[in-house]
Protein backbone atom coordinates (compact mmCIF):
# COMPACT_ATOMS: atom_id res chain seq x y z
CA UNK A 1 -87.22 -6.69 199.17
CA UNK A 2 -88.82 -4.78 196.29
CA UNK A 3 -92.41 -4.59 195.21
CA UNK A 4 -91.80 -7.08 192.40
CA UNK A 5 -90.40 -9.63 194.82
CA UNK A 6 -93.39 -9.18 197.11
CA UNK A 7 -95.80 -9.70 194.24
CA UNK A 8 -93.95 -12.84 193.11
CA UNK A 9 -94.03 -14.20 196.69
CA UNK A 10 -97.73 -13.46 196.96
CA UNK A 11 -98.52 -15.24 193.68
CA UNK A 12 -96.39 -18.20 194.71
CA UNK A 13 -98.26 -18.31 198.02
CA UNK A 14 -101.62 -18.49 196.24
CA UNK A 15 -100.33 -21.19 193.91
CA UNK A 16 -98.99 -23.13 196.89
CA UNK A 17 -102.41 -22.98 198.58
CA UNK A 18 -104.12 -24.25 195.44
CA UNK A 19 -101.53 -27.01 195.05
CA UNK A 20 -101.96 -28.13 198.67
CA UNK A 21 -105.75 -28.02 198.25
CA UNK A 22 -105.60 -30.18 195.14
CA UNK A 23 -103.23 -32.66 196.75
CA UNK A 24 -104.54 -32.98 200.28
CA UNK A 25 -107.97 -31.39 200.47
CA UNK A 26 -111.29 -32.65 199.23
CA UNK A 27 -113.39 -30.41 197.05
CA UNK A 28 -116.33 -30.35 199.44
CA UNK A 29 -118.26 -27.63 197.64
CA UNK A 30 -118.08 -29.52 194.35
CA UNK A 31 -120.88 -31.71 195.72
CA UNK A 32 -123.00 -28.93 197.23
CA UNK A 33 -126.15 -29.90 195.33
CA UNK A 34 -125.76 -33.47 196.54
CA UNK A 35 -125.81 -32.13 200.13
CA UNK A 36 -128.99 -30.19 199.36
CA UNK A 37 -130.52 -33.36 197.89
CA UNK A 38 -129.69 -35.35 201.04
CA UNK A 39 -131.28 -32.62 203.18
CA UNK A 40 -134.37 -32.68 200.98
CA UNK A 41 -134.68 -36.47 201.37
CA UNK A 42 -134.91 -35.95 205.14
CA UNK A 43 -136.92 -32.72 205.26
CA UNK A 44 -139.58 -33.28 202.57
CA UNK A 45 -141.24 -36.36 204.21
CA UNK A 46 -141.20 -34.52 207.53
CA UNK A 47 -142.76 -31.36 206.08
CA UNK A 48 -145.41 -33.49 204.35
CA UNK A 49 -146.16 -35.17 207.67
CA UNK A 50 -146.33 -31.80 209.47
CA UNK A 51 -148.79 -30.42 206.92
CA UNK A 52 -150.94 -33.57 206.80
CA UNK A 53 -150.85 -34.86 210.39
CA UNK A 54 -149.04 -32.20 212.43
CA UNK A 55 -147.49 -32.97 215.80
CA UNK A 56 -149.14 -35.15 218.44
CA UNK A 57 -149.49 -32.85 221.47
CA UNK A 58 -149.13 -34.23 224.99
CA UNK A 59 -151.17 -33.35 228.03
CA UNK A 60 -149.09 -30.18 228.53
CA UNK A 61 -150.74 -28.68 225.43
CA UNK A 62 -154.13 -30.38 225.22
CA UNK A 63 -155.06 -30.67 228.89
CA UNK A 64 -155.83 -33.90 230.67
CA UNK A 65 -155.53 -35.71 233.99
CA UNK A 66 -152.55 -36.48 236.22
CA UNK A 67 -153.01 -39.48 238.51
CA UNK A 68 -150.40 -40.68 240.99
CA UNK A 69 -151.08 -44.14 242.43
CA UNK A 70 -149.38 -46.28 245.06
CA UNK A 71 -150.20 -49.99 245.01
CA UNK A 72 -149.66 -52.59 247.73
CA UNK A 73 -149.81 -55.99 246.00
CA UNK A 74 -150.09 -59.22 247.98
CA UNK A 75 -146.79 -60.74 249.15
CA UNK A 76 -145.06 -57.43 248.21
CA UNK A 77 -144.72 -58.35 244.57
CA UNK A 78 -143.28 -55.85 242.11
CA UNK A 79 -145.75 -54.41 239.58
CA UNK A 80 -144.25 -53.60 236.19
CA UNK A 81 -145.25 -51.01 233.56
CA UNK A 82 -146.72 -53.60 231.20
CA UNK A 83 -149.18 -54.76 233.87
CA UNK A 84 -150.27 -51.19 234.61
CA UNK A 85 -150.79 -50.45 230.92
CA UNK A 86 -152.95 -53.55 230.56
CA UNK A 87 -155.14 -52.49 233.49
CA UNK A 88 -155.71 -49.01 232.06
CA UNK A 89 -156.56 -50.48 228.66
CA UNK A 90 -159.09 -52.84 230.30
CA UNK A 91 -160.69 -49.84 232.01
CA UNK A 92 -160.86 -47.98 228.65
CA UNK A 93 -158.87 -45.09 230.08
CA UNK A 94 -156.81 -43.46 227.32
CA UNK A 95 -153.39 -42.51 228.66
CA UNK A 96 -150.33 -40.85 227.11
CA UNK A 97 -147.69 -42.13 229.52
CA UNK A 98 -147.22 -44.19 232.66
CA UNK A 99 -143.97 -43.72 234.53
CA UNK A 100 -142.70 -45.29 237.75
CA UNK A 101 -142.16 -42.90 240.66
CA UNK A 102 -140.85 -45.44 243.15
CA UNK A 103 -141.59 -48.94 244.32
CA UNK A 104 -145.11 -49.80 243.07
CA UNK A 105 -145.84 -46.08 242.64
CA UNK A 106 -146.82 -44.69 239.22
CA UNK A 107 -147.57 -41.31 237.68
CA UNK A 108 -150.12 -41.53 234.87
CA UNK A 109 -150.84 -38.86 232.26
CA UNK A 110 -154.24 -39.54 230.75
CA UNK A 111 -156.94 -37.90 228.69
CA UNK A 112 -159.54 -35.97 230.73
CA UNK A 113 -161.56 -38.36 232.95
CA UNK A 114 -164.21 -37.62 235.55
CA UNK A 115 -164.22 -38.64 239.20
CA UNK A 116 -166.64 -41.52 238.63
CA UNK A 117 -164.36 -43.13 236.02
CA UNK A 118 -161.43 -42.60 238.36
CA UNK A 119 -163.22 -44.44 241.20
CA UNK A 120 -164.04 -47.37 238.89
CA UNK A 121 -160.38 -47.50 237.87
CA UNK A 122 -159.28 -47.59 241.52
CA UNK A 123 -161.67 -50.45 242.28
CA UNK A 124 -160.41 -52.42 239.30
CA UNK A 125 -156.76 -51.93 240.29
CA UNK A 126 -157.52 -52.93 243.88
CA UNK A 127 -159.26 -56.13 242.76
CA UNK A 128 -156.57 -57.17 240.27
CA UNK A 129 -153.30 -55.81 241.68
CA UNK A 130 -153.86 -55.14 245.37
CA UNK A 131 -154.69 -52.23 247.65
CA UNK A 132 -154.58 -48.94 245.71
CA UNK A 133 -153.95 -45.50 247.22
CA UNK A 134 -154.47 -42.36 245.17
CA UNK A 135 -151.76 -39.83 246.01
CA UNK A 136 -152.77 -37.24 243.45
CA UNK A 137 -155.61 -36.54 241.04
CA UNK A 138 -155.30 -33.31 239.04
CA UNK A 139 -157.05 -32.00 235.96
CA UNK A 140 -154.66 -29.95 233.81
CA UNK A 141 -156.17 -27.32 231.52
CA UNK A 142 -154.81 -26.54 228.03
CA UNK A 143 -154.48 -22.79 228.68
CA UNK A 144 -150.91 -23.06 229.93
CA UNK A 145 -149.97 -25.14 226.91
CA UNK A 146 -151.31 -22.56 224.43
CA UNK A 147 -149.58 -19.74 226.26
CA UNK A 148 -146.31 -21.67 226.31
CA UNK A 149 -146.56 -22.41 222.59
CA UNK A 150 -147.18 -18.74 221.78
CA UNK A 151 -144.23 -17.65 223.89
CA UNK A 152 -142.03 -20.28 222.25
CA UNK A 153 -142.89 -19.02 218.76
CA UNK A 154 -142.25 -15.42 219.80
CA UNK A 155 -138.94 -16.38 221.42
CA UNK A 156 -137.93 -18.26 218.27
CA UNK A 157 -138.77 -15.28 216.04
CA UNK A 158 -136.92 -12.80 218.28
CA UNK A 159 -133.88 -15.09 218.59
CA UNK A 160 -133.77 -15.56 214.79
CA UNK A 161 -133.83 -11.82 214.15
CA UNK A 162 -131.14 -11.15 216.78
CA UNK A 163 -128.91 -13.94 215.41
CA UNK A 164 -129.38 -12.63 211.87
CA UNK A 165 -128.42 -9.07 212.89
CA UNK A 166 -125.50 -10.17 215.07
CA UNK A 167 -123.96 -12.54 212.50
CA UNK A 168 -124.47 -10.07 209.65
CA UNK A 169 -122.82 -7.31 211.71
CA UNK A 170 -119.88 -9.42 212.85
CA UNK A 171 -119.14 -10.69 209.36
CA UNK A 172 -119.97 -7.36 207.69
CA UNK A 173 -122.27 -9.14 205.24
CA UNK A 174 -125.95 -10.04 205.52
CA UNK A 175 -125.22 -13.14 203.42
CA UNK A 176 -123.63 -14.84 206.45
CA UNK A 177 -126.55 -13.99 208.74
CA UNK A 178 -129.27 -15.19 206.36
CA UNK A 179 -127.45 -18.45 205.54
CA UNK A 180 -126.92 -19.14 209.26
CA UNK A 181 -130.66 -18.68 209.89
CA UNK A 182 -131.53 -20.97 206.95
CA UNK A 183 -129.25 -23.67 208.38
CA UNK A 184 -130.93 -23.21 211.76
CA UNK A 185 -134.38 -23.66 210.22
CA UNK A 186 -133.04 -26.73 208.42
CA UNK A 187 -132.35 -28.35 211.80
CA UNK A 188 -135.74 -27.27 213.14
CA UNK A 189 -137.56 -28.89 210.23
CA UNK A 190 -135.54 -32.10 210.62
CA UNK A 191 -136.53 -32.44 214.29
CA UNK A 192 -140.14 -31.32 213.87
CA UNK A 193 -140.65 -33.53 210.83
CA UNK A 194 -139.11 -36.55 212.57
CA UNK A 195 -141.43 -36.16 215.56
CA UNK A 196 -144.44 -35.62 213.31
CA UNK A 197 -143.72 -38.97 211.64
CA UNK A 198 -143.07 -40.64 215.01
CA UNK A 199 -146.31 -39.20 216.35
CA UNK A 200 -148.35 -40.50 213.44
CA UNK A 201 -146.84 -43.98 213.21
CA UNK A 202 -145.73 -44.67 216.81
CA UNK A 203 -147.93 -42.34 218.85
CA UNK A 204 -145.00 -40.27 220.20
CA UNK A 205 -146.22 -37.04 221.81
CA UNK A 206 -144.49 -33.67 222.15
CA UNK A 207 -144.46 -31.90 225.50
CA UNK A 208 -142.69 -28.99 227.19
CA UNK A 209 -139.43 -30.94 227.27
CA UNK A 210 -139.61 -31.18 223.48
CA UNK A 211 -139.84 -27.39 223.26
CA UNK A 212 -136.73 -27.15 225.45
CA UNK A 213 -134.92 -29.61 223.18
CA UNK A 214 -135.78 -27.64 220.02
CA UNK A 215 -134.50 -24.34 221.46
CA UNK A 216 -131.31 -26.05 222.66
CA UNK A 217 -130.74 -27.54 219.21
CA UNK A 218 -131.03 -24.14 217.54
CA UNK A 219 -128.33 -22.62 219.73
CA UNK A 220 -126.03 -25.59 219.06
CA UNK A 221 -126.59 -25.33 215.32
CA UNK A 222 -125.75 -21.62 215.12
CA UNK A 223 -122.69 -22.03 217.34
CA UNK A 224 -121.21 -24.70 215.05
CA UNK A 225 -122.04 -22.68 211.93
CA UNK A 226 -120.28 -19.57 213.24
CA UNK A 227 -117.06 -21.59 213.75
CA UNK A 228 -117.04 -22.47 210.03
CA UNK A 229 -117.95 -18.91 209.01
CA UNK A 230 -115.20 -17.46 211.16
CA UNK A 231 -112.59 -19.60 209.42
CA UNK A 232 -113.96 -18.48 206.03
CA UNK A 233 -113.68 -14.82 207.08
CA UNK A 234 -110.14 -15.36 208.33
CA UNK A 235 -109.05 -17.04 205.08
CA UNK A 236 -110.71 -14.33 203.01
CA UNK A 237 -108.79 -11.70 204.94
CA UNK A 238 -105.40 -13.28 204.25
CA UNK A 239 -106.13 -14.48 200.71
CA UNK A 240 -108.53 -11.94 199.13
CA UNK A 241 -107.67 -12.96 195.56
CA UNK A 242 -108.40 -16.67 196.03
CA UNK A 243 -111.69 -17.97 194.66
CA UNK A 244 -114.44 -17.89 197.32
CA UNK A 245 -115.39 -21.53 196.79
CA UNK A 246 -111.76 -22.55 197.37
CA UNK A 247 -111.74 -20.59 200.63
CA UNK A 248 -114.90 -22.37 201.77
CA UNK A 249 -113.32 -25.74 200.92
CA UNK A 250 -110.28 -24.75 202.98
CA UNK A 251 -112.43 -23.64 205.94
CA UNK A 252 -114.53 -26.82 205.87
CA UNK A 253 -111.42 -29.03 205.73
CA UNK A 254 -109.90 -27.19 208.71
CA UNK A 255 -113.03 -27.28 210.90
CA UNK A 256 -114.67 -30.58 209.97
CA UNK A 257 -112.55 -32.74 212.27
CA UNK A 258 -113.06 -30.40 215.21
CA UNK A 259 -116.80 -30.23 214.58
CA UNK A 260 -117.21 -34.01 214.33
CA UNK A 261 -115.06 -34.68 217.43
CA UNK A 262 -116.99 -32.11 219.43
CA UNK A 263 -120.34 -33.52 218.33
CA UNK A 264 -119.37 -37.14 218.98
CA UNK A 265 -118.72 -36.40 222.65
CA UNK A 266 -122.27 -35.05 222.90
CA UNK A 267 -123.74 -37.91 220.86
CA UNK A 268 -122.11 -40.60 223.02
CA UNK A 269 -123.51 -38.98 226.16
CA UNK A 270 -126.99 -38.68 224.65
CA UNK A 271 -126.91 -42.29 223.45
CA UNK A 272 -126.08 -43.44 226.97
CA UNK A 273 -128.96 -41.38 228.37
CA UNK A 274 -131.36 -42.65 225.73
CA UNK A 275 -130.48 -46.32 226.26
CA UNK A 276 -130.13 -46.24 230.04
CA UNK A 277 -132.34 -43.34 231.08
CA UNK A 278 -135.95 -43.48 232.17
CA UNK A 279 -139.14 -43.29 230.17
CA UNK A 280 -139.69 -39.65 231.20
CA UNK A 281 -136.66 -38.26 229.36
CA UNK A 282 -136.49 -40.79 226.52
CA UNK A 283 -137.97 -38.65 223.74
CA UNK A 284 -136.40 -35.46 225.06
CA UNK A 285 -132.98 -37.09 224.72
CA UNK A 286 -133.93 -38.49 221.30
CA UNK A 287 -134.85 -34.98 220.08
CA UNK A 288 -131.46 -33.68 221.27
CA UNK A 289 -129.74 -36.60 219.54
CA UNK A 290 -131.46 -35.95 216.20
CA UNK A 291 -130.78 -32.22 216.52
CA UNK A 292 -127.10 -32.72 217.33
CA UNK A 293 -126.57 -34.94 214.28
CA UNK A 294 -128.52 -32.54 212.07
CA UNK A 295 -126.69 -29.50 213.48
CA UNK A 296 -123.29 -31.08 212.82
CA UNK A 297 -124.32 -31.86 209.26
CA UNK A 298 -125.94 -28.50 208.51
CA UNK A 299 -123.07 -26.32 209.78
CA UNK A 300 -120.75 -27.87 207.19
CA UNK A 301 -122.97 -29.23 204.44
CA UNK A 302 -125.84 -26.73 204.47
CA UNK A 303 -124.60 -23.39 205.82
CA UNK A 304 -121.30 -23.39 203.88
CA UNK A 305 -122.79 -24.50 200.50
CA UNK A 306 -125.50 -21.85 200.87
CA UNK A 307 -122.75 -19.23 201.07
CA UNK A 308 -121.16 -20.53 197.88
CA UNK A 309 -124.48 -20.50 196.00
CA UNK A 310 -125.27 -16.99 197.30
CA UNK A 311 -121.83 -15.72 196.24
CA UNK A 312 -122.22 -17.15 192.72
CA UNK A 313 -125.68 -15.60 192.32
CA UNK A 314 -124.34 -12.24 193.54
CA UNK A 315 -121.51 -12.35 190.96
CA UNK A 316 -123.98 -13.06 188.16
CA UNK A 317 -126.09 -10.09 189.17
CA UNK A 318 -123.05 -7.83 189.25
């Protein structure tokens, strides 16, 4: 087969790809600014809330008191959480959470209280609910919380730089690394903004489990983004003359089903944990759930469109 035949076959191959794209593939990148607008609708209220109200820190960051109580009510009745909350409110003891640790045993996280207030609380519980035994009374300082927050920020900065360098090196273009980091920060802002709004309106607090959830979300987001980027690189290698936006459309169409199916398995599991799990892990699971949904969206509808916009700006400069 001569050179002319090869060139004709190559041109026909490109035309076939375009024809298949037009017939069977959606033009995802045609609506890239709509995707950015949807992201802005979610992120802007959260950023406003972060700047105005911030996050509502739990005892892990602010310091406070841990009290573990075992009650022996008359006739071995079961004491529920609502009853315990009412008793603490009557005693004017500000608490962040009350969680059951066993039959009629509760672990309470409260604002700092002194020993005298604690004794009054015990007397009140004994009079109203039955014999009360204090298993633990600890005052937690905020030093550990500040140290943990500093280490988290440092870890996030180091991880971002390493991801940027690694992705840019693997794809031989810094554009891929920077866009992957921007998509990662997109997911961070979604989760942080959501919890800032929840903290202001519903009193939801962030603790060390929330920090764990945020770091887990970031790794999930980058992993999903790299799958899309890898398909773009592969298509660009085989079809170097095809328009970059068309290659991104092709990569998104080929990976979207896999990405959604993979995420749905995680989402179903997290939904089950959120609905059936205990009070202790409720908001930790909710943070993972929000992050998983945001990460699935951003890998396709934030990271990929950012590449297209970057490529167009680069061409204009050249």
